[in-house]
């Protein structure tokens, strides 16, 4: 049971939102950790996966019929795994003391998209400990148990995306040319990146599921080296992340409008927060046949969708919300 509820009256949009964009520092990746398929924290990068299509186009996708069972791979409980990462070394514990907010990217994406999503109800649990504010989403039990059209659509899209990942992600560097490898065809847990950034007047520390770019150059002790190792724990953390998405190649006008408003705003928000520059989009037809891959520049998505949503409105709402959270919990100022 949650207590001490506070209702924040934060305006979705202000008249001057389009005039200025909050000062946002480029996110810095401060580390990675893994979560097993059972949701167990692993203080290593063994779940690292790379984008490398294993089949040539065209190829067929098939949706998983058991959507509820396949809803969430490597399911995490609130901030448990992130906190295990942040408390595993003295250096990481220092990062907590130097930040104002600790949360998952899901919370920040929710805030960015709120000005254009009036159908979704949400609550955020907020707790302050030693001048750091921790935030996580409160599950809506009514939504979890209710299979409405919106949730069915989300589950269906997630199921297709997991099928695509089985065709396009490899688990280890030496697997790049071994398409028959078992681990590539099954769920393999998830790698999470931990990022820090400054958003407006707020200092953030958050985690997000990530996919590594396919390259042989990785950071080893702060230096770029060429490596082809069989053990990903020895590779070091990747220097670049990418995103992988699905999109139908032909849509009607209303379908395109819904895609811009409901999906591309999520693509932009997730990439913007983690500094992802490239989105690999698999374009498929109505028969779920992937015809081609098309790369999108993440920073340009808001220009393509400017008739449907504004990145300025999204960012300014999130900045106001974070400031109101700090005021409600007592701000300590700049760390």
Foldseek 3Di string as FASTA:
>chain_A
DDDDDDDDDFDLFDPCLVVDFFDKDAKDFPDKWFFFQVQDTGRFQQQAKEFAFQDDPWDFFDFDPPLLVVPDGSDYDFCVNVVCNQPVDPVSVVVQLQFAEEGALVVLLCLLLVSQDPPDDWDWDWDDDNNHIYITTDDDVVVSPDDDPVNVVVSRQVRRVVRVQLRTMDRALVCNNPNVDPPSNDDGTFMKTWIWMQARQGTYIYIDTWHAYDDQWAADPNDTDGDRDGGRRRRHDHPATEAEHEDEPDDDPVVVLCCLSPPLSSLLSVCRVNVHFKYWYFYAHPSRTGGDIDIDGSVCSCVVSVVRDHSSSSSVSSVSVVVVVCVVVPHPGRD
